[in-house]
Amino acid sequence: MTGKRFSIDIYDNTLINRVFKMLLGILCLVAAVYFFLNVKGTTASTTTTWIAVVFLILFGLWGVLSGAGFIDRYIFIEEDKITIRQNPLALPDILTPADLKNIEFGPLTIYFSLQKGSRIILRLGTYNSQRSAAIMEEVKEYCSRNNVETKGLNVS
């Protein structure tokens, strides 16, 4: 089984959105390089100008990384593991049945209790209730396949 991937971002990342973000990011980086080369050493070289150039560089990098899918937030449920990436700046959490003590379902929230005593909280939100229900249903199926204890709401 290949698994199911669900986005937990507020917006949907369609191909058109990704291409637009990538093009906008590249355009910002090109503009930043242009301004850097043309402003350096002139009277226009002020603190404000350099702040604008740094902003263009950072925004361009964000656009390229976002368009390439490197900063997406998702949950990927496979046959024998769950991968959760809630923070785009951190590595994803990879959970196997041996790592999980139990999984508790709450209203629009899933609590992954780990054997080592910590918890990972996945907040689904109200922005897309059908996606949230599909994620909860898929996690419930994962629990039944891998004999992981479930608590809380009865997901049907």
N, C-alpha and C. Protein backbone atom coordinates (compact mmCIF):
# COMPACT_ATOMS: atom_id res chain seq x y z
N MET A 1 0.84 -1.18 0.00
CA MET A 1 0.00 0.00 0.00
C MET A 1 0.89 1.24 0.00
N THR A 2 0.54 2.22 -0.81
CA THR A 2 1.37 3.41 -0.93
C THR A 2 1.09 4.44 0.14
N GLY A 3 -0.09 4.47 0.70
CA GLY A 3 -0.43 5.42 1.74
C GLY A 3 -1.25 6.57 1.21
N LYS A 4 -1.76 7.35 2.15
CA LYS A 4 -2.57 8.52 1.79
C LYS A 4 -1.94 9.75 2.41
N ARG A 5 -1.87 10.80 1.61
CA ARG A 5 -1.29 12.07 2.06
C ARG A 5 -2.40 13.10 2.12
N PHE A 6 -2.50 13.77 3.27
CA PHE A 6 -3.48 14.82 3.46
C PHE A 6 -2.76 16.11 3.80
N SER A 7 -3.14 17.19 3.16
CA SER A 7 -2.60 18.50 3.51
C SER A 7 -3.32 19.01 4.75
N ILE A 8 -2.57 19.57 5.69
CA ILE A 8 -3.21 20.19 6.85
C ILE A 8 -3.03 21.71 6.81
N ASP A 9 -2.68 22.22 5.63
CA ASP A 9 -2.62 23.65 5.43
C ASP A 9 -4.02 24.19 5.23
N ILE A 10 -4.19 25.47 5.44
CA ILE A 10 -5.49 26.10 5.28
C ILE A 10 -5.87 26.18 3.81
N TYR A 11 -4.91 26.36 2.94
CA TYR A 11 -5.17 26.50 1.52
C TYR A 11 -4.82 25.21 0.79
N ASP A 12 -5.39 25.04 -0.38
CA ASP A 12 -5.06 23.90 -1.23
C ASP A 12 -3.92 24.29 -2.16
N ASN A 13 -2.96 23.42 -2.31
CA ASN A 13 -1.82 23.67 -3.17
C ASN A 13 -2.04 22.97 -4.50
N THR A 14 -2.71 23.65 -5.41
CA THR A 14 -2.90 23.10 -6.75
C THR A 14 -1.65 23.37 -7.57
N LEU A 15 -1.58 22.76 -8.73
CA LEU A 15 -0.42 22.95 -9.61
C LEU A 15 -0.30 24.42 -10.02
N ILE A 16 -1.42 25.06 -10.29
CA ILE A 16 -1.38 26.47 -10.69
C ILE A 16 -0.83 27.33 -9.55
N ASN A 17 -1.27 27.06 -8.31
CA ASN A 17 -0.75 27.81 -7.17
C ASN A 17 0.75 27.61 -6.99
N ARG A 18 1.19 26.37 -7.14
CA ARG A 18 2.63 26.08 -6.99
C ARG A 18 3.46 26.79 -8.05
N VAL A 19 3.00 26.74 -9.28
CA VAL A 19 3.73 27.40 -10.37
C VAL A 19 3.76 28.91 -10.15
N PHE A 20 2.62 29.49 -9.74
CA PHE A 20 2.58 30.92 -9.48
C PHE A 20 3.53 31.31 -8.35
N LYS A 21 3.55 30.54 -7.26
CA LYS A 21 4.46 30.83 -6.16
C LYS A 21 5.92 30.73 -6.60
N MET A 22 6.22 29.71 -7.38
CA MET A 22 7.58 29.52 -7.86
C MET A 22 8.00 30.69 -8.76
N LEU A 23 7.14 31.09 -9.69
CA LEU A 23 7.47 32.20 -10.58
C LEU A 23 7.61 33.51 -9.82
N LEU A 24 6.72 33.75 -8.88
CA LEU A 24 6.82 34.96 -8.06
C LEU A 24 8.11 34.97 -7.24
N GLY A 25 8.47 33.82 -6.69
CA GLY A 25 9.72 33.72 -5.93
C GLY A 25 10.94 33.98 -6.79
N ILE A 26 10.96 33.42 -7.98
CA ILE A 26 12.09 33.64 -8.89
C ILE A 26 12.15 35.10 -9.31
N LEU A 27 10.99 35.70 -9.59
CA LEU A 27 10.94 37.11 -9.95
C LEU A 27 11.48 37.99 -8.83
N CYS A 28 11.12 37.69 -7.59
CA CYS A 28 11.64 38.46 -6.44
C CYS A 28 13.14 38.30 -6.30
N LEU A 29 13.65 37.08 -6.49
CA LEU A 29 15.10 36.87 -6.39
C LEU A 29 15.85 37.61 -7.49
N VAL A 30 15.29 37.60 -8.71
CA VAL A 30 15.92 38.33 -9.81
C VAL A 30 15.92 39.83 -9.52
N ALA A 31 14.79 40.34 -9.01
CA ALA A 31 14.71 41.76 -8.66
C ALA A 31 15.72 42.11 -7.56
N ALA A 32 15.87 41.23 -6.58
CA ALA A 32 16.82 41.49 -5.49
C ALA A 32 18.25 41.54 -6.02
N VAL A 33 18.60 40.62 -6.90
CA VAL A 33 19.95 40.64 -7.48
C VAL A 33 20.15 41.90 -8.31
N TYR A 34 19.14 42.28 -9.09
CA TYR A 34 19.23 43.50 -9.90
C TYR A 34 19.46 44.73 -9.02
N PHE A 35 18.65 44.87 -7.97
CA PHE A 35 18.81 46.01 -7.07
C PHE A 35 20.16 45.97 -6.36
N PHE A 36 20.59 44.79 -5.96
CA PHE A 36 21.88 44.66 -5.28
C PHE A 36 23.02 45.16 -6.18
N LEU A 37 23.01 44.74 -7.44
CA LEU A 37 24.08 45.13 -8.36
C LEU A 37 24.02 46.60 -8.74
N ASN A 38 22.82 47.16 -8.86
CA ASN A 38 22.69 48.55 -9.31
C ASN A 38 22.74 49.58 -8.19
N VAL A 39 22.50 49.18 -6.95
CA VAL A 39 22.47 50.13 -5.85
C VAL A 39 23.80 50.17 -5.11
N LYS A 40 24.53 49.08 -5.14
CA LYS A 40 25.79 48.98 -4.41
C LYS A 40 26.76 50.09 -4.85
N GLY A 41 27.21 50.90 -3.86
CA GLY A 41 28.19 51.94 -4.14
C GLY A 41 27.61 53.25 -4.65
N THR A 42 26.30 53.39 -4.72
CA THR A 42 25.70 54.65 -5.18
C THR A 42 25.13 55.41 -4.00
N THR A 43 24.60 56.59 -4.29
CA THR A 43 23.99 57.39 -3.22
C THR A 43 22.66 56.80 -2.78
N ALA A 44 22.09 55.92 -3.57
CA ALA A 44 20.82 55.27 -3.20
C ALA A 44 21.04 54.13 -2.22
N SER A 45 22.29 53.84 -1.92
CA SER A 45 22.62 52.75 -1.00
C SER A 45 22.40 53.20 0.44
N THR A 46 21.16 53.05 0.89
CA THR A 46 20.80 53.42 2.27
C THR A 46 20.32 52.18 3.02
N THR A 47 20.13 52.34 4.29
CA THR A 47 19.66 51.23 5.11
C THR A 47 18.31 50.73 4.63
N THR A 48 17.43 51.65 4.27
CA THR A 48 16.10 51.28 3.80
C THR A 48 16.18 50.44 2.52
N THR A 49 17.07 50.81 1.63
CA THR A 49 17.24 50.06 0.39
C THR A 49 17.70 48.63 0.67
N TRP A 50 18.65 48.50 1.59
CA TRP A 50 19.16 47.16 1.89
C TRP A 50 18.13 46.31 2.63
N ILE A 51 17.30 46.95 3.45
CA ILE A 51 16.21 46.21 4.09
C ILE A 51 15.24 45.70 3.03
N ALA A 52 14.96 46.51 2.03
CA ALA A 52 14.07 46.09 0.95
C ALA A 52 14.68 44.93 0.15
N VAL A 53 15.98 44.99 -0.09
CA VAL A 53 16.65 43.91 -0.84
C VAL A 53 16.61 42.61 -0.03
N VAL A 54 16.87 42.69 1.26
CA VAL A 54 16.81 41.49 2.11
C VAL A 54 15.40 40.93 2.13
N PHE A 55 14.39 41.81 2.22
CA PHE A 55 13.00 41.36 2.19
C PHE A 55 12.71 40.64 0.88
N LEU A 56 13.14 41.20 -0.25
CA LEU A 56 12.92 40.55 -1.54
C LEU A 56 13.59 39.17 -1.60
N ILE A 57 14.78 39.07 -1.04
CA ILE A 57 15.49 37.78 -1.04
C ILE A 57 14.72 36.76 -0.20
N LEU A 58 14.32 37.15 1.01
CA LEU A 58 13.60 36.22 1.88
C LEU A 58 12.25 35.82 1.30
N PHE A 59 11.52 36.79 0.75
CA PHE A 59 10.23 36.48 0.15
C PHE A 59 10.40 35.59 -1.08
N GLY A 60 11.44 35.86 -1.86
CA GLY A 60 11.72 35.02 -3.03
C GLY A 60 12.06 33.59 -2.65
N LEU A 61 12.87 33.43 -1.60
CA LEU A 61 13.20 32.09 -1.12
C LEU A 61 11.95 31.36 -0.63
N TRP A 62 11.10 32.09 0.12
CA TRP A 62 9.84 31.48 0.58
C TRP A 62 8.99 31.04 -0.60
N GLY A 63 8.89 31.88 -1.63
CA GLY A 63 8.08 31.54 -2.81
C GLY A 63 8.60 30.30 -3.53
N VAL A 64 9.91 30.23 -3.69
CA VAL A 64 10.50 29.06 -4.38
C VAL A 64 10.31 27.79 -3.55
N LEU A 65 10.60 27.88 -2.24
CA LEU A 65 10.44 26.70 -1.37
C LEU A 65 8.97 26.27 -1.27
N SER A 66 8.07 27.22 -1.20
CA SER A 66 6.65 26.90 -1.12
C SER A 66 6.16 26.30 -2.43
N GLY A 67 6.59 26.85 -3.53
CA GLY A 67 6.20 26.31 -4.83
C GLY A 67 6.75 24.91 -5.07
N ALA A 68 7.92 24.64 -4.52
CA ALA A 68 8.53 23.31 -4.68
C ALA A 68 7.95 22.30 -3.69
N GLY A 69 7.17 22.78 -2.70
CA GLY A 69 6.53 21.87 -1.75
C GLY A 69 7.38 21.55 -0.53
N PHE A 70 8.47 22.26 -0.30
CA PHE A 70 9.35 21.97 0.82
C PHE A 70 8.82 22.44 2.17
N ILE A 71 7.86 23.37 2.16
CA ILE A 71 7.36 23.89 3.44
C ILE A 71 5.88 23.56 3.63
N ASP A 72 5.40 22.53 2.96
CA ASP A 72 4.01 22.10 3.13
C ASP A 72 3.83 21.44 4.49
N ARG A 73 2.63 21.56 5.03
CA ARG A 73 2.25 20.87 6.27
C ARG A 73 1.32 19.74 5.86
N TYR A 74 1.59 18.53 6.37
CA TYR A 74 0.82 17.38 5.93
C TYR A 74 0.84 16.26 6.96
N ILE A 75 -0.05 15.29 6.74
CA ILE A 75 0.00 14.02 7.45
C ILE A 75 -0.04 12.94 6.37
N PHE A 76 0.89 12.00 6.45
CA PHE A 76 1.00 10.93 5.47
C PHE A 76 0.83 9.61 6.22
N ILE A 77 -0.24 8.89 5.90
CA ILE A 77 -0.58 7.66 6.61
C ILE A 77 -0.30 6.48 5.68
N GLU A 78 0.67 5.67 6.09
CA GLU A 78 1.04 4.49 5.33
C GLU A 78 0.58 3.24 6.09
N GLU A 79 0.92 2.09 5.56
CA GLU A 79 0.53 0.82 6.16
C GLU A 79 1.11 0.66 7.57
N ASP A 80 2.38 1.04 7.74
CA ASP A 80 3.07 0.77 9.01
C ASP A 80 3.65 2.00 9.69
N LYS A 81 3.31 3.20 9.22
CA LYS A 81 3.81 4.41 9.89
C LYS A 81 2.95 5.61 9.50
N ILE A 82 3.01 6.61 10.37
CA ILE A 82 2.35 7.89 10.14
C ILE A 82 3.43 8.97 10.19
N THR A 83 3.46 9.81 9.17
CA THR A 83 4.40 10.92 9.12
C THR A 83 3.60 12.21 9.24
N ILE A 84 3.96 13.03 10.24
CA ILE A 84 3.25 14.28 10.49
C ILE A 84 4.25 15.43 10.38
N ARG A 85 3.92 16.38 9.54
CA ARG A 85 4.75 17.59 9.44
C ARG A 85 3.84 18.79 9.70
N GLN A 86 3.92 19.29 10.92
CA GLN A 86 3.10 20.44 11.31
C GLN A 86 3.86 21.75 11.22
N ASN A 87 5.18 21.69 11.40
CA ASN A 87 6.01 22.88 11.38
C ASN A 87 6.91 22.82 10.15
N PRO A 88 6.76 23.76 9.23
CA PRO A 88 7.56 23.70 8.01
C PRO A 88 9.06 23.84 8.25
N LEU A 89 9.46 24.38 9.40
CA LEU A 89 10.87 24.59 9.68
C LEU A 89 11.52 23.41 10.41
N ALA A 90 10.71 22.43 10.84
CA ALA A 90 11.23 21.29 11.59
C ALA A 90 11.08 20.01 10.76
N LEU A 91 11.81 19.01 11.17
CA LEU A 91 11.69 17.71 10.51
C LEU A 91 10.34 17.08 10.87
N PRO A 92 9.80 16.26 9.99
CA PRO A 92 8.51 15.62 10.30
C PRO A 92 8.66 14.57 11.40
N ASP A 93 7.56 14.33 12.12
CA ASP A 93 7.51 13.27 13.12
C ASP A 93 7.08 11.99 12.42
N ILE A 94 7.85 10.92 12.59
CA ILE A 94 7.52 9.63 11.99
C ILE A 94 7.15 8.69 13.13
N LEU A 95 5.92 8.21 13.09
CA LEU A 95 5.38 7.37 14.17
C LEU A 95 5.10 5.98 13.65
N THR A 96 5.64 4.98 14.33
CA THR A 96 5.34 3.58 14.02
C THR A 96 4.45 3.03 15.13
N PRO A 97 3.80 1.90 14.92
CA PRO A 97 2.97 1.34 15.99
C PRO A 97 3.74 1.10 17.28
N ALA A 98 5.02 0.78 17.19
CA ALA A 98 5.82 0.56 18.40
C ALA A 98 6.05 1.86 19.18
N ASP A 99 6.00 3.01 18.50
CA ASP A 99 6.18 4.30 19.16
C ASP A 99 4.93 4.78 19.88
N LEU A 100 3.77 4.26 19.48
CA LEU A 100 2.49 4.78 19.97
C LEU A 100 1.96 3.99 21.15
N LYS A 101 1.59 4.70 22.21
CA LYS A 101 0.89 4.08 23.33
C LYS A 101 -0.60 4.02 23.00
N ASN A 102 -1.16 5.16 22.58
CA ASN A 102 -2.55 5.21 22.13
C ASN A 102 -2.76 6.47 21.31
N ILE A 103 -3.91 6.51 20.67
CA ILE A 103 -4.32 7.67 19.90
C ILE A 103 -5.69 8.07 20.40
N GLU A 104 -5.81 9.35 20.77
CA GLU A 104 -7.07 9.85 21.31
C GLU A 104 -7.67 10.85 20.33
N PHE A 105 -8.94 10.64 20.03
CA PHE A 105 -9.66 11.53 19.12
C PHE A 105 -10.47 12.53 19.91
N GLY A 106 -10.31 13.79 19.61
CA GLY A 106 -11.10 14.86 20.22
C GLY A 106 -11.80 15.62 19.11
N PRO A 107 -12.55 16.64 19.48
CA PRO A 107 -13.22 17.43 18.45
C PRO A 107 -12.19 18.19 17.61
N LEU A 108 -12.03 17.78 16.37
CA LEU A 108 -11.08 18.38 15.42
C LEU A 108 -9.64 18.33 15.90
N THR A 109 -9.32 17.35 16.75
CA THR A 109 -7.96 17.19 17.27
C THR A 109 -7.66 15.69 17.42
N ILE A 110 -6.43 15.33 17.11
CA ILE A 110 -5.97 13.96 17.33
C ILE A 110 -4.73 14.05 18.22
N TYR A 111 -4.74 13.30 19.33
CA TYR A 111 -3.62 13.26 20.26
C TYR A 111 -2.89 11.94 20.07
N PHE A 112 -1.62 11.99 19.71
CA PHE A 112 -0.79 10.82 19.56
C PHE A 112 0.05 10.69 20.83
N SER A 113 -0.30 9.77 21.72
CA SER A 113 0.46 9.55 22.95
C SER A 113 1.58 8.55 22.64
N LEU A 114 2.80 8.96 22.93
CA LEU A 114 3.96 8.13 22.61
C LEU A 114 4.38 7.29 23.80
N GLN A 115 5.09 6.21 23.53
CA GLN A 115 5.57 5.31 24.58
C GLN A 115 6.53 6.04 25.52
N LYS A 116 7.27 7.01 25.02
CA LYS A 116 8.23 7.72 25.85
C LYS A 116 7.59 8.77 26.74
N GLY A 117 6.26 8.90 26.68
CA GLY A 117 5.54 9.79 27.58
C GLY A 117 5.09 11.11 27.00
N SER A 118 5.59 11.50 25.86
CA SER A 118 5.18 12.78 25.28
C SER A 118 3.96 12.61 24.37
N ARG A 119 3.40 13.73 23.95
CA ARG A 119 2.23 13.71 23.07
C ARG A 119 2.48 14.61 21.88
N ILE A 120 1.94 14.19 20.76
CA ILE A 120 1.92 15.04 19.57
C ILE A 120 0.46 15.37 19.32
N ILE A 121 0.17 16.66 19.23
CA ILE A 121 -1.21 17.10 19.04
C ILE A 121 -1.36 17.60 17.61
N LEU A 122 -2.31 16.99 16.90
CA LEU A 122 -2.61 17.40 15.53
C LEU A 122 -3.96 18.11 15.54
N ARG A 123 -3.94 19.42 15.34
CA ARG A 123 -5.18 20.20 15.29
C ARG A 123 -5.61 20.33 13.84
N LEU A 124 -6.83 19.90 13.57
CA LEU A 124 -7.31 19.86 12.20
C LEU A 124 -8.04 21.13 11.78
N GLY A 125 -8.72 21.79 12.67
CA GLY A 125 -9.38 23.04 12.34
C GLY A 125 -10.72 22.85 11.65
N THR A 126 -11.40 23.96 11.42
CA THR A 126 -12.73 23.93 10.82
C THR A 126 -12.74 24.38 9.37
N TYR A 127 -11.57 24.67 8.81
CA TYR A 127 -11.50 25.20 7.46
C TYR A 127 -11.97 24.21 6.40
N ASN A 128 -11.79 22.92 6.64
CA ASN A 128 -12.23 21.92 5.67
C ASN A 128 -12.69 20.69 6.46
N SER A 129 -13.96 20.66 6.80
CA SER A 129 -14.47 19.60 7.67
C SER A 129 -14.44 18.23 6.99
N GLN A 130 -14.61 18.19 5.68
CA GLN A 130 -14.55 16.89 4.98
C GLN A 130 -13.13 16.31 5.04
N ARG A 131 -12.13 17.15 4.88
CA ARG A 131 -10.75 16.66 4.97
C ARG A 131 -10.44 16.21 6.38
N SER A 132 -10.90 16.97 7.39
CA SER A 132 -10.66 16.60 8.79
C SER A 132 -11.30 15.25 9.10
N ALA A 133 -12.51 15.02 8.61
CA ALA A 133 -13.18 13.74 8.83
C ALA A 133 -12.44 12.61 8.13
N ALA A 134 -11.95 12.87 6.94
CA ALA A 134 -11.20 11.84 6.20
C ALA A 134 -9.90 11.49 6.91
N ILE A 135 -9.22 12.49 7.48
CA ILE A 135 -7.98 12.23 8.22
C ILE A 135 -8.28 11.39 9.45
N MET A 136 -9.32 11.75 10.20
CA MET A 136 -9.67 10.99 11.41
C MET A 136 -10.05 9.55 11.05
N GLU A 137 -10.80 9.38 9.98
CA GLU A 137 -11.20 8.03 9.55
C GLU A 137 -9.98 7.20 9.16
N GLU A 138 -9.06 7.81 8.44
CA GLU A 138 -7.86 7.08 8.01
C GLU A 138 -6.97 6.72 9.20
N VAL A 139 -6.85 7.62 10.19
CA VAL A 139 -6.07 7.31 11.38
C VAL A 139 -6.74 6.18 12.16
N LYS A 140 -8.06 6.19 12.21
CA LYS A 140 -8.77 5.10 12.89
C LYS A 140 -8.51 3.76 12.21
N GLU A 141 -8.53 3.75 10.88
CA GLU A 141 -8.22 2.51 10.14
C GLU A 141 -6.78 2.07 10.40
N TYR A 142 -5.86 3.02 10.47
CA TYR A 142 -4.46 2.70 10.79
C TYR A 142 -4.37 2.02 12.15
N CYS A 143 -5.13 2.55 13.12
CA CYS A 143 -5.11 1.99 14.48
C CYS A 143 -5.65 0.56 14.48
N SER A 144 -6.71 0.32 13.75
CA SER A 144 -7.28 -1.04 13.73
C SER A 144 -6.36 -2.01 13.00
N ARG A 145 -5.66 -1.56 11.96
CA ARG A 145 -4.72 -2.43 11.23
C ARG A 145 -3.52 -2.80 12.08
N ASN A 146 -3.07 -1.86 12.92
CA ASN A 146 -1.81 -2.05 13.66
C ASN A 146 -2.01 -2.27 15.16
N ASN A 147 -3.24 -2.54 15.58
CA ASN A 147 -3.56 -2.80 16.99
C ASN A 147 -3.07 -1.70 17.92
N VAL A 148 -3.38 -0.46 17.58
CA VAL A 148 -3.06 0.68 18.42
C VAL A 148 -4.35 1.07 19.15
N GLU A 149 -4.24 1.26 20.46
CA GLU A 149 -5.41 1.60 21.27
C GLU A 149 -5.92 2.98 20.90
N THR A 150 -7.25 3.11 20.83
CA THR A 150 -7.87 4.40 20.56
C THR A 150 -8.73 4.82 21.74
N LYS A 151 -8.83 6.14 21.94
CA LYS A 151 -9.65 6.70 23.00
C LYS A 151 -10.43 7.87 22.43
N GLY A 152 -11.37 8.37 23.22
CA GLY A 152 -12.05 9.61 22.86
C GLY A 152 -13.27 9.40 22.00
N LEU A 153 -13.49 10.34 21.11
CA LEU A 153 -14.66 10.33 20.24
C LEU A 153 -14.70 9.08 19.38
N ASN A 154 -15.90 8.64 19.09
CA ASN A 154 -16.08 7.52 18.19
C ASN A 154 -16.13 8.06 16.76
N VAL A 155 -15.08 7.82 16.01
CA VAL A 155 -15.01 8.31 14.64
C VAL A 155 -15.70 7.29 13.75
N SER A 156 -16.69 7.75 13.00
CA SER A 156 -17.39 6.82 12.11
C SER A 156 -17.39 7.29 10.69
